C-alpha atoms as a PDB file:
ATOM      1  CA  UNK A   1      -0.187  -0.202   0.072  1.00  0.00           C
ATOM      2  CA  UNK A   2       2.695   2.301   0.888  1.00  0.00           C
ATOM      3  CA  UNK A   3       4.744   1.936  -2.226  1.00  0.00           C
ATOM      4  CA  UNK A   4       1.420   2.062  -4.588  1.00  0.00           C
ATOM      5  CA  UNK A   5       0.907   5.650  -2.461  1.00  0.00           C
ATOM      6  CA  UNK A   6       4.149   6.582  -2.904  1.00  0.00           C
ATOM      7  CA  UNK A   7       3.756   6.020  -6.884  1.00  0.00           C
ATOM      8  CA  UNK A   8       0.816   8.584  -6.935  1.00  0.00           C
ATOM      9  CA  UNK A   9       2.403  11.221  -4.880  1.00  0.00           C
ATOM     10  CA  UNK A  10       5.683  10.802  -7.429  1.00  0.00           C
ATOM     11  CA  UNK A  11       2.858  11.134 -10.459  1.00  0.00           C
ATOM     12  CA  UNK A  12       1.363  14.032  -9.253  1.00  0.00           C
ATOM     13  CA  UNK A  13       4.679  15.581  -8.658  1.00  0.00           C
ATOM     14  CA  UNK A  14       5.695  15.147 -11.881  1.00  0.00           C
ATOM     15  CA  UNK A  15       2.413  16.870 -13.084  1.00  0.00           C
ATOM     16  CA  UNK A  16       3.259  20.006 -10.757  1.00  0.00           C
ATOM     17  CA  UNK A  17       7.142  19.825 -12.226  1.00  0.00           C
ATOM     18  CA  UNK A  18       5.931  19.539 -15.772  1.00  0.00           C
ATOM     19  CA  UNK A  19       2.963  22.858 -15.143  1.00  0.00           C
ATOM     20  CA  UNK A  20       6.256  24.563 -13.161  1.00  0.00           C
ATOM     21  CA  UNK A  21       8.302  24.375 -16.065  1.00  0.00           C
ATOM     22  CA  UNK A  22       6.197  25.691 -18.432  1.00  0.00           C
ATOM     23  CA  UNK A  23       5.155  28.544 -16.490  1.00  0.00           C
ATOM     24  CA  UNK A  24       8.445  29.529 -15.598  1.00  0.00           C
ATOM     25  CA  UNK A  25       9.514  31.393 -18.966  1.00  0.00           C
ATOM     26  CA  UNK A  26       8.177  34.948 -19.616  1.00  0.00           C
ATOM     27  CA  UNK A  27       6.248  37.293 -17.363  1.00  0.00           C
ATOM     28  CA  UNK A  28       2.941  35.917 -16.449  1.00  0.00           C
ATOM     29  CA  UNK A  29      -0.044  38.209 -16.934  1.00  0.00           C
ATOM     30  CA  UNK A  30      -1.970  39.063 -14.038  1.00  0.00           C
ATOM     31  CA  UNK A  31      -4.774  36.473 -15.584  1.00  0.00           C
ATOM     32  CA  UNK A  32      -2.521  34.011 -15.678  1.00  0.00           C
ATOM     33  CA  UNK A  33      -1.338  34.669 -11.910  1.00  0.00           C
ATOM     34  CA  UNK A  34      -4.936  34.412 -10.862  1.00  0.00           C
ATOM     35  CA  UNK A  35      -5.951  31.506 -12.653  1.00  0.00           C
ATOM     36  CA  UNK A  36      -5.302  27.902 -11.064  1.00  0.00           C
ATOM     37  CA  UNK A  37      -3.413  25.226 -12.422  1.00  0.00           C
ATOM     38  CA  UNK A  38      -6.113  22.455 -12.765  1.00  0.00           C
ATOM     39  CA  UNK A  39      -5.367  18.751 -12.464  1.00  0.00           C
ATOM     40  CA  UNK A  40      -8.006  16.527 -13.564  1.00  0.00           C
ATOM     41  CA  UNK A  41      -8.120  13.242 -11.945  1.00  0.00           C
ATOM     42  CA  UNK A  42      -9.908  10.357 -13.440  1.00  0.00           C
ATOM     43  CA  UNK A  43     -10.473   8.518 -10.646  1.00  0.00           C
ATOM     44  CA  UNK A  44     -12.254   5.054 -10.238  1.00  0.00           C
ATOM     45  CA  UNK A  45     -14.827   5.396  -7.769  1.00  0.00           C
ATOM     46  CA  UNK A  46     -16.959   2.684  -9.448  1.00  0.00           C
ATOM     47  CA  UNK A  47     -16.364  -0.505 -11.985  1.00  0.00           C
ATOM     48  CA  UNK A  48     -13.041  -3.320 -11.092  1.00  0.00           C
ATOM     49  CA  UNK A  49     -10.264  -0.971 -10.352  1.00  0.00           C
ATOM     50  CA  UNK A  50     -11.864   1.093  -7.661  1.00  0.00           C
ATOM     51  CA  UNK A  51     -10.525  -0.648  -4.132  1.00  0.00           C
ATOM     52  CA  UNK A  52      -7.453   1.239  -5.333  1.00  0.00           C
ATOM     53  CA  UNK A  53      -9.165   4.806  -5.574  1.00  0.00           C
ATOM     54  CA  UNK A  54      -9.314   6.122  -2.183  1.00  0.00           C
ATOM     55  CA  UNK A  55      -5.028   5.676  -1.697  1.00  0.00           C
ATOM     56  CA  UNK A  56      -4.798   7.616  -5.017  1.00  0.00           C
ATOM     57  CA  UNK A  57      -6.816  10.473  -4.356  1.00  0.00           C
ATOM     58  CA  UNK A  58      -5.376  11.061  -0.641  1.00  0.00           C
ATOM     59  CA  UNK A  59      -2.020  10.650  -2.052  1.00  0.00           C
ATOM     60  CA  UNK A  60      -2.491  13.152  -4.754  1.00  0.00           C
ATOM     61  CA  UNK A  61      -3.658  15.706  -1.878  1.00  0.00           C
ATOM     62  CA  UNK A  62      -1.056  15.151  -0.105  1.00  0.00           C
ATOM     63  CA  UNK A  63       1.281  15.313  -2.748  1.00  0.00           C
ATOM     64  CA  UNK A  64      -0.916  19.022  -3.715  1.00  0.00           C
ATOM     65  CA  UNK A  65      -0.088  19.712   0.334  1.00  0.00           C
ATOM     66  CA  UNK A  66       3.492  19.679  -0.337  1.00  0.00           C
ATOM     67  CA  UNK A  67       3.296  21.720  -2.651  1.00  0.00           C
ATOM     68  CA  UNK A  68       1.885  24.334  -0.356  1.00  0.00           C
ATOM     69  CA  UNK A  69      -1.462  24.569  -2.945  1.00  0.00           C
ATOM     70  CA  UNK A  70       0.554  26.630  -5.127  1.00  0.00           C
ATOM     71  CA  UNK A  71       2.550  26.087  -7.994  1.00  0.00           C
ATOM     72  CA  UNK A  72       4.562  28.673 -10.034  1.00  0.00           C
ATOM     73  CA  UNK A  73       2.409  31.089  -8.089  1.00  0.00           C
ATOM     74  CA  UNK A  74      -0.504  30.157  -9.215  1.00  0.00           C
ATOM     75  CA  UNK A  75      -3.680  27.925  -6.833  1.00  0.00           C
ATOM     76  CA  UNK A  76      -3.248  24.555  -7.756  1.00  0.00           C
ATOM     77  CA  UNK A  77      -6.748  22.647  -8.362  1.00  0.00           C
ATOM     78  CA  UNK A  78      -7.467  19.085  -7.671  1.00  0.00           C
ATOM     79  CA  UNK A  79     -11.082  18.101  -9.861  1.00  0.00           C
ATOM     80  CA  UNK A  80     -12.138  14.654  -9.723  1.00  0.00           C
ATOM     81  CA  UNK A  81     -14.242  12.249 -12.248  1.00  0.00           C
ATOM     82  CA  UNK A  82     -15.199   8.858 -12.091  1.00  0.00           C
ATOM     83  CA  UNK A  83     -14.184   6.838 -15.457  1.00  0.00           C
ATOM     84  CA  UNK A  84     -15.881   3.936 -13.631  1.00  0.00           C
ATOM     85  CA  UNK A  85     -13.056   1.044 -15.480  1.00  0.00           C
ATOM     86  CA  UNK A  86     -14.862   2.112 -18.576  1.00  0.00           C
ATOM     87  CA  UNK A  87     -12.779   3.520 -22.066  1.00  0.00           C
ATOM     88  CA  UNK A  88     -16.203   5.077 -23.150  1.00  0.00           C
ATOM     89  CA  UNK A  89     -16.968   6.593 -19.579  1.00  0.00           C
ATOM     90  CA  UNK A  90     -13.168   7.877 -19.465  1.00  0.00           C
ATOM     91  CA  UNK A  91     -13.227   9.794 -22.609  1.00  0.00           C
ATOM     92  CA  UNK A  92     -16.569  11.406 -21.492  1.00  0.00           C
ATOM     93  CA  UNK A  93     -14.929  12.641 -18.078  1.00  0.00           C
ATOM     94  CA  UNK A  94     -11.815  13.576 -19.798  1.00  0.00           C
ATOM     95  CA  UNK A  95     -14.191  16.041 -22.372  1.00  0.00           C
ATOM     96  CA  UNK A  96     -15.566  16.962 -19.421  1.00  0.00           C
ATOM     97  CA  UNK A  97     -12.400  17.942 -17.492  1.00  0.00           C
ATOM     98  CA  UNK A  98     -11.381  19.686 -20.803  1.00  0.00           C
ATOM     99  CA  UNK A  99     -14.158  21.642 -22.009  1.00  0.00           C
ATOM    100  CA  UNK A 100     -15.500  22.662 -18.824  1.00  0.00           C
ATOM    101  CA  UNK A 101     -13.236  22.295 -15.895  1.00  0.00           C
ATOM    102  CA  UNK A 102     -10.455  23.671 -18.378  1.00  0.00           C
ATOM    103  CA  UNK A 103      -7.559  21.198 -17.228  1.00  0.00           C
ATOM    104  CA  UNK A 104      -3.646  21.721 -17.570  1.00  0.00           C
ATOM    105  CA  UNK A 105      -3.083  17.937 -17.132  1.00  0.00           C
ATOM    106  CA  UNK A 106      -4.667  14.919 -16.768  1.00  0.00           C
ATOM    107  CA  UNK A 107      -3.999  11.657 -14.545  1.00  0.00           C
ATOM    108  CA  UNK A 108      -5.027   8.115 -15.076  1.00  0.00           C
ATOM    109  CA  UNK A 109      -7.542   6.372 -15.612  1.00  0.00           C
ATOM    110  CA  UNK A 110      -7.491   2.355 -14.204  1.00  0.00           C
ATOM    111  CA  UNK A 111      -7.220   0.302 -16.059  1.00  0.00           C
ATOM    112  CA  UNK A 112      -4.933   0.406 -19.082  1.00  0.00           C
ATOM    113  CA  UNK A 113      -8.236  -0.306 -21.794  1.00  0.00           C
ATOM    114  CA  UNK A 114      -9.356   3.030 -20.239  1.00  0.00           C
ATOM    115  CA  UNK A 115      -6.183   5.144 -20.110  1.00  0.00           C
ATOM    116  CA  UNK A 116      -5.549   4.379 -23.874  1.00  0.00           C
ATOM    117  CA  UNK A 117      -8.148   6.340 -25.632  1.00  0.00           C
ATOM    118  CA  UNK A 118      -7.682   8.945 -22.902  1.00  0.00           C
ATOM    119  CA  UNK A 119      -4.542   9.300 -24.566  1.00  0.00           C
ATOM    120  CA  UNK A 120      -5.563  10.038 -27.760  1.00  0.00           C
ATOM    121  CA  UNK A 121      -7.576  12.289 -26.913  1.00  0.00           C
ATOM    122  CA  UNK A 122      -5.334  14.580 -25.300  1.00  0.00           C
ATOM    123  CA  UNK A 123      -2.617  13.734 -28.024  1.00  0.00           C
ATOM    124  CA  UNK A 124      -3.847  16.689 -30.287  1.00  0.00           C
ATOM    125  CA  UNK A 125      -4.066  19.325 -27.499  1.00  0.00           C
ATOM    126  CA  UNK A 126      -0.797  18.761 -25.830  1.00  0.00           C
ATOM    127  CA  UNK A 127      -1.993  18.126 -22.704  1.00  0.00           C
ATOM    128  CA  UNK A 128       0.130  16.093 -20.264  1.00  0.00           C
ATOM    129  CA  UNK A 129      -1.050  12.655 -19.272  1.00  0.00           C
ATOM    130  CA  UNK A 130       0.151  11.283 -16.824  1.00  0.00           C
ATOM    131  CA  UNK A 131      -0.001   7.503 -15.887  1.00  0.00           C
ATOM    132  CA  UNK A 132      -1.362   6.428 -12.258  1.00  0.00           C
ATOM    133  CA  UNK A 133       0.878   3.663 -12.272  1.00  0.00           C
ATOM    134  CA  UNK A 134       2.808   1.616 -15.017  1.00  0.00           C
ATOM    135  CA  UNK A 135       1.692   1.938 -18.591  1.00  0.00           C
ATOM    136  CA  UNK A 136       1.615  -0.125 -21.671  1.00  0.00           C
ATOM    137  CA  UNK A 137       4.514   0.966 -24.173  1.00  0.00           C
ATOM    138  CA  UNK A 138       0.999   0.822 -26.562  1.00  0.00           C
ATOM    139  CA  UNK A 139      -0.424   4.135 -24.517  1.00  0.00           C
ATOM    140  CA  UNK A 140       3.861   5.512 -24.588  1.00  0.00           C
ATOM    141  CA  UNK A 141       3.519   4.764 -28.292  1.00  0.00           C
ATOM    142  CA  UNK A 142       0.611   8.044 -28.399  1.00  0.00           C
ATOM    143  CA  UNK A 143       2.842  10.623 -27.993  1.00  0.00           C
ATOM    144  CA  UNK A 144       5.383  12.349 -25.829  1.00  0.00           C
ATOM    145  CA  UNK A 145       2.727  14.130 -24.049  1.00  0.00           C
ATOM    146  CA  UNK A 146       2.370  10.964 -21.932  1.00  0.00           C
ATOM    147  CA  UNK A 147       4.498   9.805 -18.819  1.00  0.00           C
ATOM    148  CA  UNK A 148       4.757   6.676 -17.009  1.00  0.00           C
ATOM    149  CA  UNK A 149       6.591   7.584 -13.911  1.00  0.00           C
ATOM    150  CA  UNK A 150       6.929   4.050 -13.031  1.00  0.00           C
ATOM    151  CA  UNK A 151       7.324   2.081 -15.982  1.00  0.00           C
ATOM    152  CA  UNK A 152       5.749   0.012 -18.200  1.00  0.00           C
ATOM    153  CA  UNK A 153       3.827  -3.622 -17.257  1.00  0.00           C
ATOM    154  CA  UNK A 154       6.133  -5.233 -18.672  1.00  0.00           C
ATOM    155  CA  UNK A 155       9.021  -3.606 -17.008  1.00  0.00           C
ATOM    156  CA  UNK A 156       7.935  -4.245 -13.668  1.00  0.00           C
ATOM    157  CA  UNK A 157       7.048  -8.018 -14.358  1.00  0.00           C
ATOM    158  CA  UNK A 158      10.320  -8.645 -15.834  1.00  0.00           C
ATOM    159  CA  UNK A 159      11.858  -8.359 -12.962  1.00  0.00           C
ATOM    160  CA  UNK A 160       9.339 -10.629 -11.080  1.00  0.00           C
ATOM    161  CA  UNK A 161      10.559 -13.436 -13.174  1.00  0.00           C
ATOM    162  CA  UNK A 162      14.183 -12.885 -12.389  1.00  0.00           C
ATOM    163  CA  UNK A 163      13.173 -13.477  -8.724  1.00  0.00           C
ATOM    164  CA  UNK A 164      11.023 -15.840  -9.333  1.00  0.00           C
ATOM    165  CA  UNK A 165      14.349 -17.260 -10.593  1.00  0.00           C
ATOM    166  CA  UNK A 166      17.296 -16.047  -9.247  1.00  0.00           C
ATOM    167  CA  UNK A 167      15.918 -15.888  -5.170  1.00  0.00           C
ATOM    168  CA  UNK A 168      12.964 -18.238  -5.209  1.00  0.00           C
ATOM    169  CA  UNK A 169      14.761 -20.436  -7.363  1.00  0.00           C
ATOM    170  CA  UNK A 170      12.194 -21.660  -9.751  1.00  0.00           C
ATOM    171  CA  UNK A 171      13.265 -23.370 -12.635  1.00  0.00           C
ATOM    172  CA  UNK A 172       9.602 -23.908 -14.454  1.00  0.00           C
ATOM    173  CA  UNK A 173       6.261 -21.735 -14.407  1.00  0.00           C
ATOM    174  CA  UNK A 174       2.789 -21.737 -15.646  1.00  0.00           C
ATOM    175  CA  UNK A 175       0.805 -18.684 -16.729  1.00  0.00           C
ATOM    176  CA  UNK A 176      -2.566 -18.281 -16.269  1.00  0.00           C
ATOM    177  CA  UNK A 177      -3.999 -14.425 -16.336  1.00  0.00           C
ATOM    178  CA  UNK A 178      -7.028 -12.574 -17.101  1.00  0.00           C
ATOM    179  CA  UNK A 179      -7.922 -11.739 -20.951  1.00  0.00           C
ATOM    180  CA  UNK A 180      -6.980  -7.828 -20.034  1.00  0.00           C
ATOM    181  CA  UNK A 181      -4.487  -5.839 -21.281  1.00  0.00           C
ATOM    182  CA  UNK A 182      -2.477  -4.918 -18.111  1.00  0.00           C
ATOM    183  CA  UNK A 183      -2.231  -8.680 -17.447  1.00  0.00           C
ATOM    184  CA  UNK A 184      -0.847 -10.020 -20.821  1.00  0.00           C
ATOM    185  CA  UNK A 185       1.521  -7.028 -20.713  1.00  0.00           C
ATOM    186  CA  UNK A 186       2.848  -8.149 -16.933  1.00  0.00           C
ATOM    187  CA  UNK A 187       2.752 -11.843 -17.038  1.00  0.00           C
ATOM    188  CA  UNK A 188       4.845 -11.658 -20.552  1.00  0.00           C
ATOM    189  CA  UNK A 189       7.306  -9.266 -18.838  1.00  0.00           C
ATOM    190  CA  UNK A 190       7.708 -12.218 -15.620  1.00  0.00           C
ATOM    191  CA  UNK A 191       8.045 -14.750 -18.486  1.00  0.00           C
ATOM    192  CA  UNK A 192      10.267 -12.546 -20.571  1.00  0.00           C
ATOM    193  CA  UNK A 193      12.722 -12.250 -17.156  1.00  0.00           C
ATOM    194  CA  UNK A 194      12.343 -15.927 -15.935  1.00  0.00           C
ATOM    195  CA  UNK A 195      13.327 -17.261 -19.619  1.00  0.00           C
ATOM    196  CA  UNK A 196      16.084 -14.925 -19.588  1.00  0.00           C
ATOM    197  CA  UNK A 197      17.340 -16.635 -16.761  1.00  0.00           C
ATOM    198  CA  UNK A 198      16.934 -19.961 -17.895  1.00  0.00           C
ATOM    199  CA  UNK A 199      13.903 -20.729 -16.514  1.00  0.00           C
ATOM    200  CA  UNK A 200      11.423 -22.842 -18.962  1.00  0.00           C
ATOM    201  CA  UNK A 201       7.991 -21.059 -19.520  1.00  0.00           C
ATOM    202  CA  UNK A 202       4.467 -23.387 -19.860  1.00  0.00           C
ATOM    203  CA  UNK A 203       2.372 -20.473 -20.752  1.00  0.00           C
ATOM    204  CA  UNK A 204      -1.720 -21.113 -20.511  1.00  0.00           C
ATOM    205  CA  UNK A 205      -4.819 -19.937 -22.447  1.00  0.00           C
ATOM    206  CA  UNK A 206      -5.636 -16.419 -20.735  1.00  0.00           C
ATOM    207  CA  UNK A 207      -9.125 -15.588 -20.354  1.00  0.00           C
ATOM    208  CA  UNK A 208     -10.659 -18.711 -18.459  1.00  0.00           C
ATOM    209  CA  UNK A 209     -13.742 -18.156 -16.087  1.00  0.00           C
ATOM    210  CA  UNK A 210     -12.563 -21.233 -14.264  1.00  0.00           C
ATOM    211  CA  UNK A 211      -8.719 -21.904 -13.834  1.00  0.00           C
ATOM    212  CA  UNK A 212      -8.945 -25.033 -11.946  1.00  0.00           C
ATOM    213  CA  UNK A 213      -9.268 -27.068 -15.304  1.00  0.00           C
ATOM    214  CA  UNK A 214      -6.197 -25.516 -17.008  1.00  0.00           C
ATOM    215  CA  UNK A 215      -3.923 -25.674 -13.829  1.00  0.00           C
ATOM    216  CA  UNK A 216      -4.890 -29.436 -13.629  1.00  0.00           C
ATOM    217  CA  UNK A 217      -4.206 -29.747 -17.103  1.00  0.00           C
ATOM    218  CA  UNK A 218      -0.733 -28.069 -17.379  1.00  0.00           C
ATOM    219  CA  UNK A 219       0.079 -29.652 -13.918  1.00  0.00           C
ATOM    220  CA  UNK A 220      -0.145 -32.853 -15.573  1.00  0.00           C
ATOM    221  CA  UNK A 221       1.592 -31.664 -18.577  1.00  0.00           C
ATOM    222  CA  UNK A 222       5.054 -30.635 -16.561  1.00  0.00           C
ATOM    223  CA  UNK A 223       4.621 -33.958 -14.480  1.00  0.00           C
ATOM    224  CA  UNK A 224       4.220 -36.068 -17.164  1.00  0.00           C
END
């Protein structure tokens, strides 16, 4: 939990740093000084990823507090919307943050499937888009407006795989995961790391509702 909260704090600190750098050149007008820096927070209050939202929101508020509530002489305003773990809802809420709240930067959302269309929406506007946690290479490839301050899912998974081989001593592994982008990227990274050390990968199909049958099948395959 502390690690996840640290990720969220570092994410919003990155947002504030980017905004600060953007506002530093030249002499700002009195209107610019008065206008708050609006950070759009595409939270997840409902849906599959909603359990993580409370600590994300607290971490964002903590980071703003640590900046004294201001950046480049302007008040920081955090506006949260519920992306509901849904790509279509996420895009609609992102449009509201841009058009109504005039967001200067956008954080989130989760999961990765919802973050991808938001990244595409923000690209032509050049609005900084910061991932809450790791991002997929496909999202990073959207444009240089996307920032993954904790790396990629596959990159994180790679070190899980090397840890399993080097520290835990495993030499074979079976991979079973949900049929979602995050799971596919993370487990592929883990297997890349595991195999790079000499491990043997017995990968199973993704997207099963019940894993018991798959587990039994692959256990028999491995043990003969």
